[in-house]
Amino acid sequence: MAEHVLVTGGMGFIGRRVVAELQSRGARVRVLDSMNEQVHGEASNPTDVAAEADIELQIGDIRDADAVSAALEGIDAVVHLAAEVGVGQSMYEIERYTAVNELGTAVLFQQMLKRPIRRIVTASSMSIYGEGLYRASSGALVEDARRVSAVDGGVQWDPVDASGGVLQPIPTPEWKRPTLSSVYALNKYAQEQMTLIVPPAYGVESVALRLFNVFGPGQALSNPYTGVLAIFAARLLNGRAPMIFEDGEQQRDFVHVDDVARAFADALDKPGLSGEVMNIGSGSPISIGDLARRFAAVMGREDLAPDITRKVRTGDIRHCFADIAKAEALLGYRPRQNLDDGLAKLADWVRTQKADDRVDAASSELAARGLVT
């Protein structure tokens, strides 16, 4: 891969790993990143960090046509990661999320049309599924499962069928119809669909990867709207119990950032993928409560049992984990990092960090807006 690749959002948690993977394959990499303080904090000088990693960094906003145009100069291919991330925050920072995620993608594509870009790979999200795929007791598959109520008190937490029977969550494939339950999910679906519609009309190959819950060293520990493991880490580092909404039995799919980086590099390079959408996850579910307990154990804080709030945030779903068969078949994708090893490596890194625990403030902000019940 001797191409010049632009990675938007390339100074972020996933972006840095994607950049390193592309560099290891011989690509020259340029990064466009706004260096959003919520994600990056104030601690490090981005120019120094970029120089140390041999990254050609351009600091600029994805919504700025001039900045995007300059970033695309001489570029052969694009990995589009730039986005505002966070289901809960997206429900009240609606304008900012929509502007960055949707308008920003539109600006990128508008500027790409002027240049001979070979392929773009865009980061989509498992959030577009809403609830994952379920199976009813009759054996029928259910794509549009919904919970009767978000309140505990004797009401079933899990989605049920027409007769009141609990639906069984099963791996979610790409063909499941989207059920958009947050502004963030809507934004990511718009990004994904724009990727599949606009570039091919101008002869540019396009691929979208639906990322599940990405974790690993380098996560933004002080950002309370980022991945749940980073949030747990911030709490544990500050001697506080991991906070969990609902009853802790909701299931998710956690995939290591190194596996995600390889998937992006392969998706940029492998022939015959244009127009494809693929899940990138581990293919294995785990409950959030179990995850919290296992991570506390590897952090040496078994004494900090999870704080189960039994409250629900607007936009949250119950169960969703990946069917990765399509990525295996088309991309040759197979996660190499198992969860236990990944948690151990994350814990080793977390112990060397400092983090502001802003979870209570973020939760209070959601509650004040009526987004927690």
Protein backbone atom coordinates (compact mmCIF):
# COMPACT_ATOMS: atom_id res chain seq x y z
CA MET A 1 0.00 0.00 0.00
CA ALA A 2 2.10 2.89 -1.30
CA GLU A 3 -0.74 5.40 -1.30
CA HIS A 4 -1.23 8.77 0.34
CA VAL A 5 -4.20 8.31 2.70
CA LEU A 6 -6.22 10.96 4.52
CA VAL A 7 -7.63 9.91 7.89
CA THR A 8 -10.24 12.34 9.19
CA GLY A 9 -10.39 12.29 12.99
CA GLY A 10 -7.04 10.52 12.86
CA MET A 11 -5.76 11.84 16.20
CA GLY A 12 -8.55 10.12 18.12
CA PHE A 13 -8.51 6.77 19.89
CA ILE A 14 -9.39 4.67 16.84
CA GLY A 15 -7.76 7.07 14.40
CA ARG A 16 -4.29 6.80 15.92
CA ARG A 17 -4.39 3.02 15.61
CA VAL A 18 -5.67 3.16 12.04
CA VAL A 19 -2.88 5.58 11.14
CA ALA A 20 -0.25 3.28 12.66
CA GLU A 21 -1.67 0.26 10.83
CA LEU A 22 -1.66 2.10 7.50
CA GLN A 23 1.91 3.27 8.08
CA SER A 24 3.00 -0.29 8.86
CA ARG A 25 1.72 -1.24 5.40
CA GLY A 26 3.74 1.46 3.64
CA ALA A 27 1.12 4.19 3.29
CA ARG A 28 1.87 7.87 3.72
CA VAL A 29 -0.76 9.30 6.04
CA ARG A 30 -2.20 12.76 6.50
CA VAL A 31 -4.59 13.51 9.36
CA LEU A 32 -7.33 16.13 9.54
CA ASP A 33 -8.54 16.59 13.12
CA SER A 34 -10.22 19.45 14.99
CA MET A 35 -8.56 18.34 18.27
CA ASN A 36 -11.88 18.66 20.13
CA GLU A 37 -11.10 19.31 23.81
CA GLN A 38 -13.83 16.92 25.01
CA VAL A 39 -11.97 14.08 23.27
CA HIS A 40 -8.33 15.13 23.46
CA GLY A 41 -8.17 17.23 26.62
CA GLU A 42 -5.53 19.91 27.10
CA ALA A 43 -2.56 17.88 28.27
CA SER A 44 -0.59 17.18 25.11
CA ASN A 45 0.70 19.33 22.28
CA PRO A 46 -0.87 17.80 19.16
CA THR A 47 1.99 18.94 16.93
CA ASP A 48 4.54 17.16 19.13
CA VAL A 49 2.39 14.02 19.31
CA ALA A 50 1.98 13.98 15.54
CA ALA A 51 5.68 14.51 14.94
CA GLU A 52 6.59 11.66 17.29
CA ALA A 53 4.22 9.33 15.41
CA ASP A 54 5.40 10.63 12.01
CA ILE A 55 1.90 11.90 11.24
CA GLU A 56 1.31 14.77 8.82
CA LEU A 57 -1.24 16.66 10.91
CA GLN A 58 -3.59 19.37 9.70
CA ILE A 59 -5.72 20.84 12.48
CA GLY A 60 -9.08 21.84 11.07
CA ASP A 61 -12.82 21.31 11.21
CA ILE A 62 -14.45 18.74 8.94
CA ARG A 63 -17.16 21.35 8.26
CA ASP A 64 -14.62 23.83 6.88
CA ALA A 65 -14.50 23.42 3.08
CA ASP A 66 -11.14 25.17 2.78
CA ALA A 67 -9.55 22.98 5.46
CA VAL A 68 -10.97 19.83 3.89
CA SER A 69 -9.86 20.89 0.40
CA ALA A 70 -6.31 21.44 1.62
CA ALA A 71 -6.30 18.11 3.45
CA LEU A 72 -7.36 16.27 0.28
CA GLU A 73 -4.58 17.71 -1.87
CA GLY A 74 -2.57 14.82 -3.36
CA ILE A 75 -4.62 12.17 -1.52
CA ASP A 76 -5.37 8.76 -3.08
CA ALA A 77 -7.79 7.29 -0.51
CA VAL A 78 -9.72 8.35 2.59
CA VAL A 79 -10.65 6.83 5.95
CA HIS A 80 -13.48 8.91 7.42
CA LEU A 81 -13.58 8.73 11.22
CA ALA A 82 -14.30 12.36 12.13
CA ALA A 83 -17.48 12.49 14.21
CA GLU A 84 -19.07 13.62 17.42
CA VAL A 85 -19.62 10.44 19.45
CA GLY A 86 -22.12 9.79 22.23
CA VAL A 87 -25.69 8.54 22.26
CA GLY A 88 -26.80 10.45 25.36
CA GLN A 89 -25.16 13.76 24.54
CA SER A 90 -26.51 13.65 20.99
CA MET A 91 -30.04 13.94 22.40
CA TYR A 92 -29.43 17.50 23.61
CA GLU A 93 -26.42 18.68 21.56
CA ILE A 94 -28.52 18.04 18.46
CA GLU A 95 -27.26 20.86 16.28
CA ARG A 96 -23.57 20.18 16.98
CA TYR A 97 -23.83 16.43 16.42
CA THR A 98 -25.80 16.82 13.20
CA ALA A 99 -23.53 19.56 11.89
CA VAL A 100 -20.29 17.65 12.47
CA ASN A 101 -21.53 14.20 11.55
CA GLU A 102 -23.83 14.93 8.61
CA LEU A 103 -22.81 18.33 7.27
CA GLY A 104 -19.15 17.46 7.84
CA THR A 105 -19.51 14.32 5.73
CA ALA A 106 -21.28 16.32 3.03
CA VAL A 107 -18.43 18.86 2.97
CA LEU A 108 -15.88 16.05 2.69
CA PHE A 109 -17.70 14.45 -0.23
CA GLN A 110 -18.25 17.77 -1.97
CA GLN A 111 -14.51 18.40 -1.91
CA MET A 112 -13.66 14.81 -2.86
CA LEU A 113 -15.58 15.13 -6.11
CA LYS A 114 -12.90 17.48 -7.40
CA ARG A 115 -10.12 14.93 -6.96
CA PRO A 116 -9.23 11.42 -8.19
CA ILE A 117 -9.87 9.56 -4.93
CA ARG A 118 -9.79 5.78 -5.35
CA ARG A 119 -11.76 4.65 -2.28
CA ILE A 120 -13.29 5.92 0.95
CA VAL A 121 -13.97 3.80 4.03
CA THR A 122 -16.39 5.38 6.52
CA ALA A 123 -16.90 4.49 10.19
CA SER A 124 -20.55 3.66 10.76
CA SER A 125 -21.92 2.31 14.04
CA MET A 126 -23.86 -0.54 15.59
CA SER A 127 -26.10 2.16 17.05
CA ILE A 128 -28.05 2.28 13.79
CA TYR A 129 -29.55 -1.13 14.57
CA GLY A 130 -31.26 0.08 17.71
CA GLU A 131 -32.22 -3.21 19.31
CA GLY A 132 -30.34 -6.13 17.82
CA LEU A 133 -31.93 -9.13 16.14
CA TYR A 134 -34.09 -11.43 18.28
CA ARG A 135 -35.77 -14.81 17.97
CA ALA A 136 -39.28 -15.43 19.29
CA SER A 137 -40.30 -18.68 20.99
CA SER A 138 -41.98 -19.64 17.70
CA GLY A 139 -38.61 -19.45 15.97
CA ALA A 140 -39.54 -16.31 14.02
CA LEU A 141 -36.89 -13.64 13.68
CA VAL A 142 -37.81 -10.22 15.09
CA GLU A 143 -36.12 -7.13 13.58
CA ASP A 144 -38.17 -4.44 15.30
CA ALA A 145 -38.15 -5.56 18.93
CA ARG A 146 -39.19 -2.93 21.42
CA ARG A 147 -39.43 -2.90 25.19
CA VAL A 148 -42.85 -2.44 26.77
CA SER A 149 -41.43 -0.05 29.33
CA ALA A 150 -38.12 1.44 30.46
CA VAL A 151 -39.17 1.15 34.11
CA ASP A 152 -38.23 -1.77 36.37
CA GLY A 153 -40.74 -2.28 39.21
CA GLY A 154 -42.02 -5.62 37.93
CA VAL A 155 -42.07 -4.61 34.27
CA GLN A 156 -40.02 -6.81 31.92
CA TRP A 157 -36.68 -5.22 31.01
CA ASP A 158 -36.21 -7.32 27.91
CA PRO A 159 -38.27 -7.02 24.72
CA VAL A 160 -41.21 -9.43 24.57
CA ASP A 161 -43.37 -10.90 21.82
CA ALA A 162 -47.11 -10.38 21.36
CA SER A 163 -47.91 -13.06 23.94
CA GLY A 164 -45.53 -11.58 26.53
CA GLY A 165 -42.78 -14.14 26.00
CA VAL A 166 -39.21 -12.88 26.34
CA LEU A 167 -37.39 -12.60 23.02
CA GLN A 168 -33.99 -14.27 22.69
CA PRO A 169 -31.18 -11.95 21.46
CA ILE A 170 -29.10 -13.45 18.65
CA PRO A 171 -26.17 -12.10 16.58
CA THR A 172 -27.22 -9.11 14.48
CA PRO A 173 -26.40 -9.29 10.74
CA GLU A 174 -26.09 -6.38 8.34
CA TRP A 175 -29.45 -7.10 6.71
CA LYS A 176 -31.38 -6.24 9.86
CA ARG A 177 -33.49 -3.12 9.32
CA PRO A 178 -32.21 -0.04 11.18
CA THR A 179 -34.20 1.13 14.21
CA LEU A 180 -32.84 4.57 14.98
CA SER A 181 -33.24 5.46 18.65
CA SER A 182 -30.92 8.46 19.09
CA VAL A 183 -29.70 11.50 17.17
CA TYR A 184 -26.25 9.90 17.06
CA ALA A 185 -27.70 6.77 15.43
CA LEU A 186 -29.51 8.94 12.89
CA ASN A 187 -26.28 10.80 12.15
CA LYS A 188 -24.28 7.62 11.63
CA TYR A 189 -26.94 6.16 9.37
CA ALA A 190 -26.87 9.36 7.30
CA GLN A 191 -23.07 9.16 7.08
CA GLU A 192 -23.26 5.55 6.00
CA GLN A 193 -25.93 6.10 3.37
CA MET A 194 -24.16 9.18 2.00
CA THR A 195 -21.04 7.03 1.65
CA LEU A 196 -22.93 4.44 -0.36
CA ILE A 197 -24.74 6.99 -2.56
CA VAL A 198 -22.41 9.87 -3.43
CA PRO A 199 -18.87 8.56 -4.08
CA PRO A 200 -19.94 5.71 -6.43
CA ALA A 201 -21.89 8.20 -8.55
CA TYR A 202 -18.51 9.79 -9.32
CA GLY A 203 -16.51 6.61 -9.76
CA VAL A 204 -15.13 6.47 -6.21
CA GLU A 205 -15.28 3.12 -4.42
CA SER A 206 -16.94 3.22 -1.00
CA VAL A 207 -17.19 0.94 2.04
CA ALA A 208 -18.85 1.40 5.44
CA LEU A 209 -17.83 -0.46 8.59
CA ARG A 210 -20.38 -0.72 11.39
CA LEU A 211 -18.25 -0.64 14.52
CA PHE A 212 -19.43 -2.25 17.72
CA ASN A 213 -18.00 -1.25 21.13
CA VAL A 214 -14.32 -0.51 20.51
CA PHE A 215 -11.92 -0.67 23.46
CA GLY A 216 -8.21 -0.64 24.20
CA PRO A 217 -5.33 1.54 25.42
CA GLY A 218 -5.61 5.15 24.33
CA GLN A 219 -9.29 5.71 25.06
CA ALA A 220 -10.35 9.17 26.25
CA LEU A 221 -10.73 8.39 29.95
CA SER A 222 -12.06 11.82 30.93
CA ASN A 223 -14.79 11.94 28.28
CA PRO A 224 -18.01 10.73 29.97
CA TYR A 225 -19.71 10.22 26.59
CA THR A 226 -17.12 7.79 25.23
CA GLY A 227 -16.94 3.97 25.46
CA VAL A 228 -18.25 2.29 28.58
CA LEU A 229 -14.89 0.70 29.47
CA ALA A 230 -13.22 4.12 29.46
CA ILE A 231 -15.98 5.36 31.75
CA PHE A 232 -15.46 2.38 34.07
CA ALA A 233 -11.71 3.07 34.06
CA ALA A 234 -12.19 6.71 35.09
CA ARG A 235 -14.38 5.62 37.99
CA LEU A 236 -12.02 2.86 39.16
CA LEU A 237 -8.95 5.11 38.93
CA ASN A 238 -10.71 7.53 41.24
CA GLY A 239 -11.71 4.84 43.71
CA ARG A 240 -15.36 4.80 42.70
CA ALA A 241 -17.62 1.95 41.64
CA PRO A 242 -18.51 1.60 37.93
CA MET A 243 -21.96 3.11 37.33
CA ILE A 244 -24.35 0.94 35.29
CA PHE A 245 -27.78 1.87 34.00
CA GLU A 246 -30.69 -0.61 34.04
CA ASP A 247 -29.98 -3.94 35.77
CA GLY A 248 -26.57 -4.67 34.24
CA GLU A 249 -27.82 -7.63 32.19
CA GLN A 250 -27.92 -5.76 28.86
CA GLN A 251 -25.54 -7.36 26.35
CA ARG A 252 -23.01 -5.71 24.05
CA ASP A 253 -20.10 -6.70 21.80
CA PHE A 254 -16.60 -5.42 22.63
CA VAL A 255 -13.90 -5.42 19.95
CA HIS A 256 -10.27 -4.46 20.44
CA VAL A 257 -9.03 -1.34 18.68
CA ASP A 258 -6.18 -3.26 17.01
CA ASP A 259 -8.69 -5.56 15.30
CA VAL A 260 -10.66 -2.50 14.19
CA ALA A 261 -7.53 -0.83 12.77
CA ARG A 262 -6.72 -3.92 10.71
CA ALA A 263 -10.27 -4.00 9.41
CA PHE A 264 -10.03 -0.41 8.16
CA ALA A 265 -6.68 -1.01 6.47
CA ASP A 266 -7.97 -4.18 4.81
CA ALA A 267 -11.19 -2.46 3.73
CA LEU A 268 -9.16 0.30 2.11
CA ASP A 269 -6.96 -2.18 0.25
CA LYS A 270 -8.97 -5.31 -0.63
CA PRO A 271 -10.49 -5.35 -4.15
CA GLY A 272 -14.17 -5.91 -4.86
CA LEU A 273 -15.66 -4.35 -1.73
CA SER A 274 -17.22 -1.20 -3.14
CA GLY A 275 -20.77 -0.67 -1.93
CA GLU A 276 -20.43 -3.09 0.97
CA VAL A 277 -21.41 -2.54 4.61
CA MET A 278 -19.87 -4.84 7.22
CA ASN A 279 -20.08 -5.38 10.97
CA ILE A 280 -16.78 -5.12 12.84
CA GLY A 281 -17.13 -6.64 16.28
CA SER A 282 -15.96 -9.65 18.28
CA GLY A 283 -19.05 -11.76 17.57
CA SER A 284 -19.33 -12.57 21.29
CA PRO A 285 -21.80 -10.94 23.72
CA ILE A 286 -21.12 -9.98 27.31
CA SER A 287 -23.38 -8.31 29.85
CA ILE A 288 -22.37 -4.85 31.03
CA GLY A 289 -22.50 -5.98 34.65
CA ASP A 290 -20.17 -8.92 33.97
CA LEU A 291 -17.84 -6.62 32.03
CA ALA A 292 -17.66 -4.18 34.97
CA ARG A 293 -16.87 -6.95 37.44
CA ARG A 294 -14.18 -8.48 35.21
CA PHE A 295 -12.53 -5.14 34.55
CA ALA A 296 -12.59 -4.20 38.25
CA ALA A 297 -10.91 -7.54 38.99
CA VAL A 298 -8.05 -6.99 36.53
CA MET A 299 -7.66 -3.47 37.94
CA GLY A 300 -7.32 -5.01 41.42
CA ARG A 301 -10.51 -3.32 42.64
CA GLU A 302 -12.85 -6.25 43.28
CA ASP A 303 -14.01 -4.27 46.32
CA LEU A 304 -15.74 -1.77 44.03
CA ALA A 305 -18.88 -3.65 43.07
CA PRO A 306 -20.87 -2.08 40.21
CA ASP A 307 -23.39 0.60 41.14
CA ILE A 308 -26.54 -0.70 39.44
CA THR A 309 -28.79 2.36 39.04
CA ARG A 310 -31.84 0.56 37.59
CA LYS A 311 -32.45 3.71 35.54
CA VAL A 312 -32.67 4.03 31.76
CA ARG A 313 -31.25 6.67 29.44
CA THR A 314 -33.29 7.74 26.44
CA GLY A 315 -31.76 6.22 23.31
CA ASP A 316 -30.27 3.17 25.05
CA ILE A 317 -31.14 -0.30 23.82
CA ARG A 318 -31.20 -3.67 25.58
CA HIS A 319 -29.13 -6.15 23.55
CA CYS A 320 -27.03 -5.92 20.41
CA PHE A 321 -24.00 -7.97 19.37
CA ALA A 322 -22.45 -8.64 15.98
CA ASP A 323 -22.81 -11.32 13.38
CA ILE A 324 -19.38 -11.01 11.73
CA ALA A 325 -19.84 -13.68 9.04
CA LYS A 326 -19.97 -11.13 6.21
CA ALA A 327 -16.73 -9.43 7.24
CA GLU A 328 -15.11 -12.86 7.59
CA ALA A 329 -16.19 -13.84 4.07
CA LEU A 330 -15.52 -10.58 2.21
CA LEU A 331 -12.74 -8.97 4.21
CA GLY A 332 -10.99 -12.00 5.69
CA TYR A 333 -11.69 -10.38 9.06
CA ARG A 334 -11.20 -12.33 12.22
CA PRO A 335 -10.66 -10.71 15.64
CA ARG A 336 -7.33 -11.73 17.12
CA GLN A 337 -7.63 -10.16 20.57
CA ASN A 338 -9.81 -11.99 23.09
CA LEU A 339 -11.63 -9.99 25.74
CA ASP A 340 -9.69 -11.17 28.80
CA ASP A 341 -6.29 -10.42 27.26
CA GLY A 342 -7.61 -7.10 25.98
CA LEU A 343 -8.90 -6.12 29.42
CA ALA A 344 -5.56 -7.00 31.00
CA LYS A 345 -3.67 -4.82 28.51
CA LEU A 346 -6.16 -2.00 28.97
CA ALA A 347 -5.77 -2.21 32.75
CA ASP A 348 -1.96 -2.03 32.46
CA TRP A 349 -2.27 1.16 30.42
CA VAL A 350 -4.99 2.69 32.61
CA ARG A 351 -2.81 2.37 35.70
CA THR A 352 -0.31 4.77 34.11
CA GLN A 353 -2.96 7.43 33.42
CA LYS A 354 -4.89 10.12 35.25
CA ALA A 355 -8.57 10.68 34.59
CA ASP A 356 -11.24 13.13 35.67
CA ASP A 357 -14.37 11.25 36.68
CA ARG A 358 -17.10 13.30 35.01
CA VAL A 359 -19.74 10.58 34.96
CA ASP A 360 -21.90 12.09 37.71
CA ALA A 361 -21.96 15.48 35.98
CA ALA A 362 -22.90 13.89 32.65
CA SER A 363 -25.62 11.80 34.28
CA SER A 364 -27.00 14.86 36.07
CA GLU A 365 -27.09 16.73 32.77
CA LEU A 366 -29.13 13.93 31.18
CA ALA A 367 -31.46 13.73 34.18
CA ALA A 368 -32.03 17.48 34.20
CA ARG A 369 -33.18 17.24 30.61
CA GLY A 370 -35.57 14.38 31.34
CA LEU A 371 -33.42 11.86 29.47
CA VAL A 372 -33.02 9.47 32.41
CA THR A 373 -35.97 7.66 33.97
